[in-house]
PDB file of N, CA and C in Angstrom:
ATOM      1  N   MET A   1      -9.576  10.184   9.276  1.00  0.00           N
ATOM      2  CA  MET A   1      -9.905   9.728   7.925  1.00  0.00           C
ATOM      3  C   MET A   1      -8.705   9.870   6.991  1.00  0.00           C
ATOM      4  N   ALA A   2      -8.032  11.015   7.056  1.00  0.00           N
ATOM      5  CA  ALA A   2      -6.884  11.234   6.186  1.00  0.00           C
ATOM      6  C   ALA A   2      -5.806  10.180   6.482  1.00  0.00           C
ATOM      7  N   LEU A   3      -5.619   9.877   7.770  1.00  0.00           N
ATOM      8  CA  LEU A   3      -4.622   8.919   8.137  1.00  0.00           C
ATOM      9  C   LEU A   3      -4.967   7.553   7.527  1.00  0.00           C
ATOM     10  N   SER A   4      -6.237   7.196   7.582  1.00  0.00           N
ATOM     11  CA  SER A   4      -6.690   5.911   7.047  1.00  0.00           C
ATOM     12  C   SER A   4      -6.398   5.868   5.540  1.00  0.00           C
ATOM     13  N   LYS A   5      -6.632   6.974   4.896  1.00  0.00           N
ATOM     14  CA  LYS A   5      -6.409   7.047   3.439  1.00  0.00           C
ATOM     15  C   LYS A   5      -4.934   6.816   3.133  1.00  0.00           C
ATOM     16  N   ALA A   6      -4.077   7.481   3.906  1.00  0.00           N
ATOM     17  CA  ALA A   6      -2.626   7.358   3.720  1.00  0.00           C
ATOM     18  C   ALA A   6      -2.215   5.897   3.944  1.00  0.00           C
ATOM     19  N   LEU A   7      -2.780   5.266   4.975  1.00  0.00           N
ATOM     20  CA  LEU A   7      -2.443   3.872   5.272  1.00  0.00           C
ATOM     21  C   LEU A   7      -2.851   3.010   4.117  1.00  0.00           C
ATOM     22  N   ASN A   8      -4.014   3.297   3.558  1.00  0.00           N
ATOM     23  CA  ASN A   8      -4.527   2.498   2.402  1.00  0.00           C
ATOM     24  C   ASN A   8      -3.522   2.594   1.260  1.00  0.00           C
ATOM     25  N   LEU A   9      -3.069   3.815   0.964  1.00  0.00           N
ATOM     26  CA  LEU A   9      -2.114   3.977  -0.111  1.00  0.00           C
ATOM     27  C   LEU A   9      -0.824   3.202   0.135  1.00  0.00           C
ATOM     28  N   VAL A  10      -0.360   3.229   1.346  1.00  0.00           N
ATOM     29  CA  VAL A  10       0.886   2.513   1.686  1.00  0.00           C
ATOM     30  C   VAL A  10       0.703   1.015   1.483  1.00  0.00           C
ATOM     31  N   VAL A  11      -0.458   0.545   1.945  1.00  0.00           N
ATOM     32  CA  VAL A  11      -0.726  -0.904   1.812  1.00  0.00           C
ATOM     33  C   VAL A  11      -0.738  -1.306   0.338  1.00  0.00           C
ATOM     34  N   CYS A  12      -1.369  -0.494  -0.484  1.00  0.00           N
ATOM     35  CA  CYS A  12      -1.470  -0.744  -1.944  1.00  0.00           C
ATOM     36  C   CYS A  12      -0.051  -0.795  -2.508  1.00  0.00           C
ATOM     37  N   LYS A  13       0.758   0.162  -2.150  1.00  0.00           N
ATOM     38  CA  LYS A  13       2.127   0.248  -2.633  1.00  0.00           C
ATOM     39  C   LYS A  13       2.922  -0.986  -2.243  1.00  0.00           C
ATOM     40  N   VAL A  14       2.812  -1.351  -0.990  1.00  0.00           N
ATOM     41  CA  VAL A  14       3.564  -2.505  -0.475  1.00  0.00           C
ATOM     42  C   VAL A  14       3.109  -3.765  -1.216  1.00  0.00           C
ATOM     43  N   GLN A  15       1.797  -3.950  -1.358  1.00  0.00           N
ATOM     44  CA  GLN A  15       1.298  -5.168  -2.021  1.00  0.00           C
ATOM     45  C   GLN A  15       1.795  -5.202  -3.475  1.00  0.00           C
ATOM     46  N   ARG A  16       1.828  -4.045  -4.116  1.00  0.00           N
ATOM     47  CA  ARG A  16       2.292  -3.991  -5.513  1.00  0.00           C
ATOM     48  C   ARG A  16       3.762  -4.396  -5.573  1.00  0.00           C
ATOM     49  N   GLU A  17       4.543  -3.838  -4.679  1.00  0.00           N
ATOM     50  CA  GLU A  17       5.980  -4.186  -4.681  1.00  0.00           C
ATOM     51  C   GLU A  17       6.159  -5.663  -4.409  1.00  0.00           C
ATOM     52  N   ARG A  18       5.337  -6.176  -3.470  1.00  0.00           N
ATOM     53  CA  ARG A  18       5.466  -7.587  -3.112  1.00  0.00           C
ATOM     54  C   ARG A  18       5.107  -8.449  -4.347  1.00  0.00           C
ATOM     55  N   LYS A  19       4.116  -8.020  -5.105  1.00  0.00           N
ATOM     56  CA  LYS A  19       3.701  -8.744  -6.304  1.00  0.00           C
ATOM     57  C   LYS A  19       4.887  -8.790  -7.300  1.00  0.00           C
ATOM     58  N   ILE A  20       5.551  -7.650  -7.466  1.00  0.00           N
ATOM     59  CA  ILE A  20       6.672  -7.549  -8.408  1.00  0.00           C
ATOM     60  C   ILE A  20       7.799  -8.496  -7.922  1.00  0.00           C
ATOM     61  N   LEU A  21       8.022  -8.476  -6.611  1.00  0.00           N
ATOM     62  CA  LEU A  21       9.123  -9.304  -6.054  1.00  0.00           C
ATOM     63  C   LEU A  21       8.881 -10.783  -6.352  1.00  0.00           C
ATOM     64  N   HIS A  22       7.603 -11.177  -6.140  1.00  0.00           N
ATOM     65  CA  HIS A  22       7.309 -12.624  -6.369  1.00  0.00           C
ATOM     66  C   HIS A  22       7.136 -12.886  -7.852  1.00  0.00           C
TER      67      HIS A  22
END
């Protein structure tokens, strides 16, 4: 469960950075 939570945070971070890039 903790690993899934961490993955979720990473995905959110990546998507946010991607949004800023575009």
